[in-house]
């Protein structure tokens, strides 16, 4: 339930977008404001509408906080979601400026692209699997800053699940059978995180039904061509002064980005 008036929510939404554009996100939380998760979701939707109004294009959605440890850290009992933007989509090999981000932190993930518009009332696991065109390794960029009080869930949601961009690898056509893979996050040739024995499709698609229903609640419907980030297995890791970021999967390829 929202604690704030429409006027208050509109003011906070405009400030969130102003700060994001200024590459100084989340300053409203420095004053330790107290908002509910429902307030934060309204702010997230408001900011998305403001970005669309000025000509930006939504190209899909991210799922975040899929692990129980991360949910506990955020005070959640379910995952989180956010919008993906065409202006923040990059191809593998891109060179980015770390000054465009605030404490840039990366996650290794998989993404899928939909081959048809999704009907929420049909969203079973098999229906979702049949709705996927291909799978991609990717790097998700985050502005890893929290200024408010713990748990940080409302702050994360208001800031579009702290999403700041995605670097997409090459498509792999869907395997016909269950496929085991690892997934590594590598900074300057040093393995930072590694996950093993991940099985396609179960470990990648487990939360997409939740996403479909969550977005339908907000009158957002997943459509053909949408990119879906299926959720990371860990927590974002700051790059600090590192320059080369790689994500590798033994079954689904790799993706790289450099930060100067």
C-alpha atoms as a PDB file:
ATOM      1  CA  UNK A   1       0.000   0.000   0.000  1.00  0.00           C
ATOM      2  CA  UNK A   2       1.234   3.492  -0.857  1.00  0.00           C
ATOM      3  CA  UNK A   3       1.914   5.969   1.946  1.00  0.00           C
ATOM      4  CA  UNK A   4       2.332   8.959  -0.355  1.00  0.00           C
ATOM      5  CA  UNK A   5       0.056  11.245  -2.331  1.00  0.00           C
ATOM      6  CA  UNK A   6       0.163  11.366  -6.132  1.00  0.00           C
ATOM      7  CA  UNK A   7       1.884  14.761  -5.924  1.00  0.00           C
ATOM      8  CA  UNK A   8       4.577  13.398  -3.623  1.00  0.00           C
ATOM      9  CA  UNK A   9       5.110  10.354  -5.840  1.00  0.00           C
ATOM     10  CA  UNK A  10       5.367  12.544  -8.947  1.00  0.00           C
ATOM     11  CA  UNK A  11       7.952  14.782  -7.266  1.00  0.00           C
ATOM     12  CA  UNK A  12      10.047  11.790  -6.212  1.00  0.00           C
ATOM     13  CA  UNK A  13       9.759  10.214  -9.672  1.00  0.00           C
ATOM     14  CA  UNK A  14      11.014  13.366 -11.367  1.00  0.00           C
ATOM     15  CA  UNK A  15      13.904  13.617  -8.891  1.00  0.00           C
ATOM     16  CA  UNK A  16      14.875   9.964  -9.443  1.00  0.00           C
ATOM     17  CA  UNK A  17      15.059  10.566 -13.210  1.00  0.00           C
ATOM     18  CA  UNK A  18      16.906  13.861 -12.787  1.00  0.00           C
ATOM     19  CA  UNK A  19      19.528  12.159 -10.620  1.00  0.00           C
ATOM     20  CA  UNK A  20      19.850   9.218 -13.010  1.00  0.00           C
ATOM     21  CA  UNK A  21      20.430  11.558 -15.938  1.00  0.00           C
ATOM     22  CA  UNK A  22      23.044  13.419 -13.868  1.00  0.00           C
ATOM     23  CA  UNK A  23      24.831  10.091 -13.181  1.00  0.00           C
ATOM     24  CA  UNK A  24      24.220  10.610  -9.469  1.00  0.00           C
ATOM     25  CA  UNK A  25      21.431   8.151  -8.684  1.00  0.00           C
ATOM     26  CA  UNK A  26      19.357   7.719  -5.539  1.00  0.00           C
ATOM     27  CA  UNK A  27      20.118  11.009  -3.759  1.00  0.00           C
ATOM     28  CA  UNK A  28      16.541  11.207  -2.441  1.00  0.00           C
ATOM     29  CA  UNK A  29      17.433   8.368  -0.098  1.00  0.00           C
ATOM     30  CA  UNK A  30      20.273  10.316   1.540  1.00  0.00           C
ATOM     31  CA  UNK A  31      17.569  11.948   3.658  1.00  0.00           C
ATOM     32  CA  UNK A  32      16.517   8.476   4.869  1.00  0.00           C
ATOM     33  CA  UNK A  33      13.031   8.869   3.445  1.00  0.00           C
ATOM     34  CA  UNK A  34      10.627   6.100   4.345  1.00  0.00           C
ATOM     35  CA  UNK A  35       8.687   4.698   1.407  1.00  0.00           C
ATOM     36  CA  UNK A  36       6.991   1.360   0.950  1.00  0.00           C
ATOM     37  CA  UNK A  37       7.791  -1.150  -1.764  1.00  0.00           C
ATOM     38  CA  UNK A  38       4.438  -0.232  -3.330  1.00  0.00           C
ATOM     39  CA  UNK A  39       5.507   3.432  -3.405  1.00  0.00           C
ATOM     40  CA  UNK A  40       8.788   2.384  -5.020  1.00  0.00           C
ATOM     41  CA  UNK A  41       7.047   0.365  -7.733  1.00  0.00           C
ATOM     42  CA  UNK A  42       4.833   3.341  -8.568  1.00  0.00           C
ATOM     43  CA  UNK A  43       7.944   5.523  -8.816  1.00  0.00           C
ATOM     44  CA  UNK A  44       9.625   2.947 -11.068  1.00  0.00           C
ATOM     45  CA  UNK A  45       6.591   2.907 -13.385  1.00  0.00           C
ATOM     46  CA  UNK A  46       6.336   6.706 -13.346  1.00  0.00           C
ATOM     47  CA  UNK A  47       9.989   7.069 -14.337  1.00  0.00           C
ATOM     48  CA  UNK A  48       9.500   4.573 -17.169  1.00  0.00           C
ATOM     49  CA  UNK A  49       6.567   6.612 -18.483  1.00  0.00           C
ATOM     50  CA  UNK A  50       8.658   9.792 -18.303  1.00  0.00           C
ATOM     51  CA  UNK A  51      11.462   8.134 -20.265  1.00  0.00           C
ATOM     52  CA  UNK A  52       9.039   6.840 -22.894  1.00  0.00           C
ATOM     53  CA  UNK A  53       7.434  10.281 -23.134  1.00  0.00           C
ATOM     54  CA  UNK A  54      10.774  11.801 -24.109  1.00  0.00           C
ATOM     55  CA  UNK A  55      11.329   9.140 -26.779  1.00  0.00           C
ATOM     56  CA  UNK A  56      13.157   6.286 -25.078  1.00  0.00           C
ATOM     57  CA  UNK A  57      12.155   2.715 -25.959  1.00  0.00           C
ATOM     58  CA  UNK A  58      11.554  -0.219 -23.614  1.00  0.00           C
ATOM     59  CA  UNK A  59      13.087  -3.384 -25.113  1.00  0.00           C
ATOM     60  CA  UNK A  60      12.287  -5.855 -22.347  1.00  0.00           C
ATOM     61  CA  UNK A  61      12.582  -6.525 -18.635  1.00  0.00           C
ATOM     62  CA  UNK A  62      15.081  -7.743 -16.079  1.00  0.00           C
ATOM     63  CA  UNK A  63      14.496 -10.180 -13.256  1.00  0.00           C
ATOM     64  CA  UNK A  64      16.611  -9.509 -10.196  1.00  0.00           C
ATOM     65  CA  UNK A  65      17.033 -10.780  -6.647  1.00  0.00           C
ATOM     66  CA  UNK A  66      16.309 -14.386  -7.590  1.00  0.00           C
ATOM     67  CA  UNK A  67      18.447 -15.878  -4.822  1.00  0.00           C
ATOM     68  CA  UNK A  68      16.992 -16.212  -1.328  1.00  0.00           C
ATOM     69  CA  UNK A  69      20.101 -14.554   0.148  1.00  0.00           C
ATOM     70  CA  UNK A  70      19.635 -11.456  -2.007  1.00  0.00           C
ATOM     71  CA  UNK A  71      15.916 -11.338  -1.273  1.00  0.00           C
ATOM     72  CA  UNK A  72      16.685 -11.443   2.455  1.00  0.00           C
ATOM     73  CA  UNK A  73      19.216  -8.619   2.061  1.00  0.00           C
ATOM     74  CA  UNK A  74      16.544  -6.506   0.331  1.00  0.00           C
ATOM     75  CA  UNK A  75      13.677  -7.479   2.615  1.00  0.00           C
ATOM     76  CA  UNK A  76      11.815  -9.261  -0.205  1.00  0.00           C
ATOM     77  CA  UNK A  77       9.840 -12.476  -0.341  1.00  0.00           C
ATOM     78  CA  UNK A  78       9.960 -12.602  -4.158  1.00  0.00           C
ATOM     79  CA  UNK A  79      12.212 -11.415  -6.992  1.00  0.00           C
ATOM     80  CA  UNK A  80      12.371  -7.855  -8.325  1.00  0.00           C
ATOM     81  CA  UNK A  81      12.012  -6.551 -11.851  1.00  0.00           C
ATOM     82  CA  UNK A  82      12.981  -3.526 -13.896  1.00  0.00           C
ATOM     83  CA  UNK A  83      12.797  -2.085 -17.398  1.00  0.00           C
ATOM     84  CA  UNK A  84      15.424  -2.513 -20.125  1.00  0.00           C
ATOM     85  CA  UNK A  85      16.106   0.424 -22.448  1.00  0.00           C
ATOM     86  CA  UNK A  86      17.325   0.473 -26.044  1.00  0.00           C
ATOM     87  CA  UNK A  87      19.659   3.369 -25.205  1.00  0.00           C
ATOM     88  CA  UNK A  88      21.436   1.152 -22.646  1.00  0.00           C
ATOM     89  CA  UNK A  89      21.849  -1.978 -24.785  1.00  0.00           C
ATOM     90  CA  UNK A  90      25.403  -2.675 -25.981  1.00  0.00           C
ATOM     91  CA  UNK A  91      27.043  -5.341 -28.106  1.00  0.00           C
ATOM     92  CA  UNK A  92      29.897  -7.538 -26.957  1.00  0.00           C
ATOM     93  CA  UNK A  93      33.268  -5.803 -27.233  1.00  0.00           C
ATOM     94  CA  UNK A  94      31.909  -2.362 -26.364  1.00  0.00           C
ATOM     95  CA  UNK A  95      34.177   0.198 -24.687  1.00  0.00           C
ATOM     96  CA  UNK A  96      32.367   2.143 -21.956  1.00  0.00           C
ATOM     97  CA  UNK A  97      33.309   5.065 -19.718  1.00  0.00           C
ATOM     98  CA  UNK A  98      33.163   4.193 -16.032  1.00  0.00           C
ATOM     99  CA  UNK A  99      32.361   7.849 -15.287  1.00  0.00           C
ATOM    100  CA  UNK A 100      28.927   7.245 -16.836  1.00  0.00           C
ATOM    101  CA  UNK A 101      28.092   5.033 -13.843  1.00  0.00           C
ATOM    102  CA  UNK A 102      28.124   5.252 -10.056  1.00  0.00           C
ATOM    103  CA  UNK A 103      30.106   2.431  -8.452  1.00  0.00           C
ATOM    104  CA  UNK A 104      29.617   0.281 -11.571  1.00  0.00           C
ATOM    105  CA  UNK A 105      29.066  -3.353 -10.634  1.00  0.00           C
ATOM    106  CA  UNK A 106      28.510  -6.349 -12.904  1.00  0.00           C
ATOM    107  CA  UNK A 107      26.550  -9.560 -12.901  1.00  0.00           C
ATOM    108  CA  UNK A 108      26.952 -12.581 -15.163  1.00  0.00           C
ATOM    109  CA  UNK A 109      23.595 -13.673 -16.520  1.00  0.00           C
ATOM    110  CA  UNK A 110      21.666 -15.234 -19.350  1.00  0.00           C
ATOM    111  CA  UNK A 111      19.088 -13.490 -21.478  1.00  0.00           C
ATOM    112  CA  UNK A 112      16.362 -14.794 -23.759  1.00  0.00           C
ATOM    113  CA  UNK A 113      14.442 -13.146 -26.592  1.00  0.00           C
ATOM    114  CA  UNK A 114      10.761 -13.909 -27.119  1.00  0.00           C
ATOM    115  CA  UNK A 115       9.413 -15.213 -30.429  1.00  0.00           C
ATOM    116  CA  UNK A 116       5.787 -14.206 -29.806  1.00  0.00           C
ATOM    117  CA  UNK A 117       3.568 -11.962 -27.719  1.00  0.00           C
ATOM    118  CA  UNK A 118       2.926 -13.524 -24.328  1.00  0.00           C
ATOM    119  CA  UNK A 119      -0.563 -14.271 -23.024  1.00  0.00           C
ATOM    120  CA  UNK A 120      -0.316 -14.183 -19.217  1.00  0.00           C
ATOM    121  CA  UNK A 121      -3.170 -16.648 -18.685  1.00  0.00           C
ATOM    122  CA  UNK A 122      -1.235 -19.268 -20.683  1.00  0.00           C
ATOM    123  CA  UNK A 123       2.105 -18.740 -18.946  1.00  0.00           C
ATOM    124  CA  UNK A 124       3.114 -22.256 -17.969  1.00  0.00           C
ATOM    125  CA  UNK A 125       6.749 -23.383 -18.037  1.00  0.00           C
ATOM    126  CA  UNK A 126       6.238 -25.230 -21.333  1.00  0.00           C
ATOM    127  CA  UNK A 127       4.460 -22.251 -22.911  1.00  0.00           C
ATOM    128  CA  UNK A 128       7.334 -19.975 -21.891  1.00  0.00           C
ATOM    129  CA  UNK A 129       9.944 -22.390 -23.262  1.00  0.00           C
ATOM    130  CA  UNK A 130       8.100 -22.533 -26.589  1.00  0.00           C
ATOM    131  CA  UNK A 131       8.030 -18.704 -26.642  1.00  0.00           C
ATOM    132  CA  UNK A 132      11.821 -18.303 -26.655  1.00  0.00           C
ATOM    133  CA  UNK A 133      13.809 -17.614 -29.809  1.00  0.00           C
ATOM    134  CA  UNK A 134      17.332 -17.938 -28.414  1.00  0.00           C
ATOM    135  CA  UNK A 135      19.573 -17.662 -25.359  1.00  0.00           C
ATOM    136  CA  UNK A 136      22.421 -15.173 -24.840  1.00  0.00           C
ATOM    137  CA  UNK A 137      25.249 -14.739 -22.337  1.00  0.00           C
ATOM    138  CA  UNK A 138      25.297 -11.191 -21.015  1.00  0.00           C
ATOM    139  CA  UNK A 139      26.794  -8.710 -18.601  1.00  0.00           C
ATOM    140  CA  UNK A 140      24.376  -6.590 -16.603  1.00  0.00           C
ATOM    141  CA  UNK A 141      25.658  -3.207 -15.407  1.00  0.00           C
ATOM    142  CA  UNK A 142      24.411  -1.719 -12.128  1.00  0.00           C
ATOM    143  CA  UNK A 143      24.833   1.520 -10.249  1.00  0.00           C
ATOM    144  CA  UNK A 144      25.606  -0.142  -6.927  1.00  0.00           C
ATOM    145  CA  UNK A 145      24.677   2.628  -4.500  1.00  0.00           C
ATOM    146  CA  UNK A 146      22.352   2.532  -1.508  1.00  0.00           C
ATOM    147  CA  UNK A 147      21.919   5.582   0.709  1.00  0.00           C
ATOM    148  CA  UNK A 148      18.770   4.689   2.626  1.00  0.00           C
ATOM    149  CA  UNK A 149      18.040   2.467   5.585  1.00  0.00           C
ATOM    150  CA  UNK A 150      18.299  -1.296   5.466  1.00  0.00           C
ATOM    151  CA  UNK A 151      16.729  -3.345   4.045  1.00  0.00           C
ATOM    152  CA  UNK A 152      17.277  -1.615   0.725  1.00  0.00           C
ATOM    153  CA  UNK A 153      14.351  -3.104  -1.190  1.00  0.00           C
ATOM    154  CA  UNK A 154      12.340   0.083  -1.749  1.00  0.00           C
ATOM    155  CA  UNK A 155      15.453   1.997  -2.823  1.00  0.00           C
ATOM    156  CA  UNK A 156      16.354  -0.760  -5.284  1.00  0.00           C
ATOM    157  CA  UNK A 157      12.847  -0.856  -6.785  1.00  0.00           C
ATOM    158  CA  UNK A 158      12.558   2.918  -7.119  1.00  0.00           C
ATOM    159  CA  UNK A 159      15.859   2.935  -9.009  1.00  0.00           C
ATOM    160  CA  UNK A 160      14.722   0.412 -11.648  1.00  0.00           C
ATOM    161  CA  UNK A 161      16.319  -2.457  -9.716  1.00  0.00           C
ATOM    162  CA  UNK A 162      19.631  -0.484  -9.966  1.00  0.00           C
ATOM    163  CA  UNK A 163      19.883  -1.473 -13.640  1.00  0.00           C
ATOM    164  CA  UNK A 164      22.216   0.693 -15.727  1.00  0.00           C
ATOM    165  CA  UNK A 165      22.757  -1.287 -18.916  1.00  0.00           C
ATOM    166  CA  UNK A 166      23.362  -4.644 -20.547  1.00  0.00           C
ATOM    167  CA  UNK A 167      26.076  -6.013 -22.840  1.00  0.00           C
ATOM    168  CA  UNK A 168      24.715  -8.804 -25.018  1.00  0.00           C
ATOM    169  CA  UNK A 169      26.669 -11.724 -26.424  1.00  0.00           C
ATOM    170  CA  UNK A 170      25.766 -13.827 -29.450  1.00  0.00           C
ATOM    171  CA  UNK A 171      22.618 -15.909 -29.750  1.00  0.00           C
ATOM    172  CA  UNK A 172      22.604 -19.662 -29.274  1.00  0.00           C
ATOM    173  CA  UNK A 173      19.638 -21.554 -30.650  1.00  0.00           C
ATOM    174  CA  UNK A 174      17.764 -23.437 -27.980  1.00  0.00           C
ATOM    175  CA  UNK A 175      19.098 -26.905 -27.174  1.00  0.00           C
ATOM    176  CA  UNK A 176      16.639 -29.726 -27.796  1.00  0.00           C
ATOM    177  CA  UNK A 177      17.660 -31.438 -24.569  1.00  0.00           C
ATOM    178  CA  UNK A 178      18.591 -30.370 -21.077  1.00  0.00           C
ATOM    179  CA  UNK A 179      22.054 -28.819 -21.194  1.00  0.00           C
ATOM    180  CA  UNK A 180      24.533 -28.314 -18.362  1.00  0.00           C
ATOM    181  CA  UNK A 181      26.698 -25.189 -18.276  1.00  0.00           C
ATOM    182  CA  UNK A 182      28.910 -23.137 -16.035  1.00  0.00           C
ATOM    183  CA  UNK A 183      28.894 -19.339 -15.872  1.00  0.00           C
ATOM    184  CA  UNK A 184      31.920 -17.220 -14.984  1.00  0.00           C
ATOM    185  CA  UNK A 185      32.383 -13.521 -14.222  1.00  0.00           C
ATOM    186  CA  UNK A 186      35.960 -12.473 -14.999  1.00  0.00           C
ATOM    187  CA  UNK A 187      37.713  -9.126 -14.343  1.00  0.00           C
ATOM    188  CA  UNK A 188      41.078  -8.537 -16.032  1.00  0.00           C
ATOM    189  CA  UNK A 189      41.472 -12.315 -16.564  1.00  0.00           C
ATOM    190  CA  UNK A 190      40.752 -13.082 -12.872  1.00  0.00           C
ATOM    191  CA  UNK A 191      37.704 -15.237 -12.147  1.00  0.00           C
ATOM    192  CA  UNK A 192      35.565 -13.260  -9.698  1.00  0.00           C
ATOM    193  CA  UNK A 193      32.519 -15.530  -9.506  1.00  0.00           C
ATOM    194  CA  UNK A 194      31.750 -18.954 -10.926  1.00  0.00           C
ATOM    195  CA  UNK A 195      28.583 -21.022 -10.940  1.00  0.00           C
ATOM    196  CA  UNK A 196      28.620 -24.649 -12.022  1.00  0.00           C
ATOM    197  CA  UNK A 197      26.096 -27.344 -12.873  1.00  0.00           C
ATOM    198  CA  UNK A 198      23.455 -24.918 -14.127  1.00  0.00           C
ATOM    199  CA  UNK A 199      20.888 -26.737 -16.244  1.00  0.00           C
ATOM    200  CA  UNK A 200      19.037 -25.328 -19.251  1.00  0.00           C
ATOM    201  CA  UNK A 201      16.125 -24.625 -19.208  1.00  0.00           C
ATOM    202  CA  UNK A 202      15.123 -25.047 -15.543  1.00  0.00           C
ATOM    203  CA  UNK A 203      17.804 -22.880 -13.927  1.00  0.00           C
ATOM    204  CA  UNK A 204      17.327 -20.061 -16.442  1.00  0.00           C
ATOM    205  CA  UNK A 205      13.549 -19.853 -16.815  1.00  0.00           C
ATOM    206  CA  UNK A 206      12.344 -20.502 -13.273  1.00  0.00           C
ATOM    207  CA  UNK A 207      11.208 -16.912 -12.580  1.00  0.00           C
ATOM    208  CA  UNK A 208       9.830 -15.831 -15.966  1.00  0.00           C
ATOM    209  CA  UNK A 209       6.282 -16.890 -15.108  1.00  0.00           C
ATOM    210  CA  UNK A 210       6.532 -14.625 -12.052  1.00  0.00           C
ATOM    211  CA  UNK A 211       7.756 -11.758 -14.274  1.00  0.00           C
ATOM    212  CA  UNK A 212       4.883 -12.195 -16.738  1.00  0.00           C
ATOM    213  CA  UNK A 213       2.288 -12.017 -13.984  1.00  0.00           C
ATOM    214  CA  UNK A 214       4.040  -9.180 -12.147  1.00  0.00           C
ATOM    215  CA  UNK A 215       4.176  -7.016 -15.283  1.00  0.00           C
ATOM    216  CA  UNK A 216       0.587  -7.866 -16.239  1.00  0.00           C
ATOM    217  CA  UNK A 217      -0.467  -6.457 -12.849  1.00  0.00           C
ATOM    218  CA  UNK A 218       0.945  -3.132 -14.086  1.00  0.00           C
ATOM    219  CA  UNK A 219      -0.648  -3.503 -17.536  1.00  0.00           C
ATOM    220  CA  UNK A 220       2.703  -4.314 -19.125  1.00  0.00           C
ATOM    221  CA  UNK A 221       2.641  -7.294 -21.454  1.00  0.00           C
ATOM    222  CA  UNK A 222       5.705  -9.087 -22.755  1.00  0.00           C
ATOM    223  CA  UNK A 223       5.828  -9.089 -26.536  1.00  0.00           C
ATOM    224  CA  UNK A 224       7.669 -10.614 -29.464  1.00  0.00           C
ATOM    225  CA  UNK A 225      11.261  -9.375 -29.616  1.00  0.00           C
ATOM    226  CA  UNK A 226      11.485  -8.492 -25.917  1.00  0.00           C
ATOM    227  CA  UNK A 227      14.760  -9.278 -24.168  1.00  0.00           C
ATOM    228  CA  UNK A 228      14.367 -10.882 -20.759  1.00  0.00           C
ATOM    229  CA  UNK A 229      17.231 -11.026 -18.262  1.00  0.00           C
ATOM    230  CA  UNK A 230      16.569 -14.271 -16.422  1.00  0.00           C
ATOM    231  CA  UNK A 231      18.294 -13.322 -13.157  1.00  0.00           C
ATOM    232  CA  UNK A 232      21.792 -13.580 -11.716  1.00  0.00           C
ATOM    233  CA  UNK A 233      22.867 -16.287  -9.296  1.00  0.00           C
ATOM    234  CA  UNK A 234      24.829 -13.882  -7.085  1.00  0.00           C
ATOM    235  CA  UNK A 235      25.101 -10.173  -6.200  1.00  0.00           C
ATOM    236  CA  UNK A 236      26.624  -7.415  -8.376  1.00  0.00           C
ATOM    237  CA  UNK A 237      30.396  -7.073  -8.010  1.00  0.00           C
ATOM    238  CA  UNK A 238      31.983  -3.592  -8.352  1.00  0.00           C
ATOM    239  CA  UNK A 239      34.683  -3.360 -11.003  1.00  0.00           C
ATOM    240  CA  UNK A 240      36.628  -0.698  -9.079  1.00  0.00           C
ATOM    241  CA  UNK A 241      39.701  -0.033 -11.239  1.00  0.00           C
ATOM    242  CA  UNK A 242      39.409  -3.162 -13.367  1.00  0.00           C
ATOM    243  CA  UNK A 243      39.147  -2.615 -17.119  1.00  0.00           C
ATOM    244  CA  UNK A 244      38.161  -5.838 -18.921  1.00  0.00           C
ATOM    245  CA  UNK A 245      34.939  -7.649 -18.002  1.00  0.00           C
ATOM    246  CA  UNK A 246      34.177 -11.081 -19.434  1.00  0.00           C
ATOM    247  CA  UNK A 247      31.316 -13.498 -18.916  1.00  0.00           C
ATOM    248  CA  UNK A 248      31.792 -17.026 -20.215  1.00  0.00           C
ATOM    249  CA  UNK A 249      29.486 -20.019 -20.441  1.00  0.00           C
ATOM    250  CA  UNK A 250      30.715 -23.452 -21.503  1.00  0.00           C
ATOM    251  CA  UNK A 251      27.454 -24.083 -23.378  1.00  0.00           C
ATOM    252  CA  UNK A 252      26.270 -20.645 -24.499  1.00  0.00           C
ATOM    253  CA  UNK A 253      29.341 -18.598 -25.412  1.00  0.00           C
ATOM    254  CA  UNK A 254      30.886 -15.455 -24.002  1.00  0.00           C
ATOM    255  CA  UNK A 255      30.599 -11.676 -23.908  1.00  0.00           C
ATOM    256  CA  UNK A 256      33.106  -8.907 -23.130  1.00  0.00           C
ATOM    257  CA  UNK A 257      33.215  -5.208 -22.324  1.00  0.00           C
ATOM    258  CA  UNK A 258      35.970  -2.753 -21.459  1.00  0.00           C
ATOM    259  CA  UNK A 259      35.780   0.239 -19.125  1.00  0.00           C
ATOM    260  CA  UNK A 260      38.111   3.216 -19.423  1.00  0.00           C
END
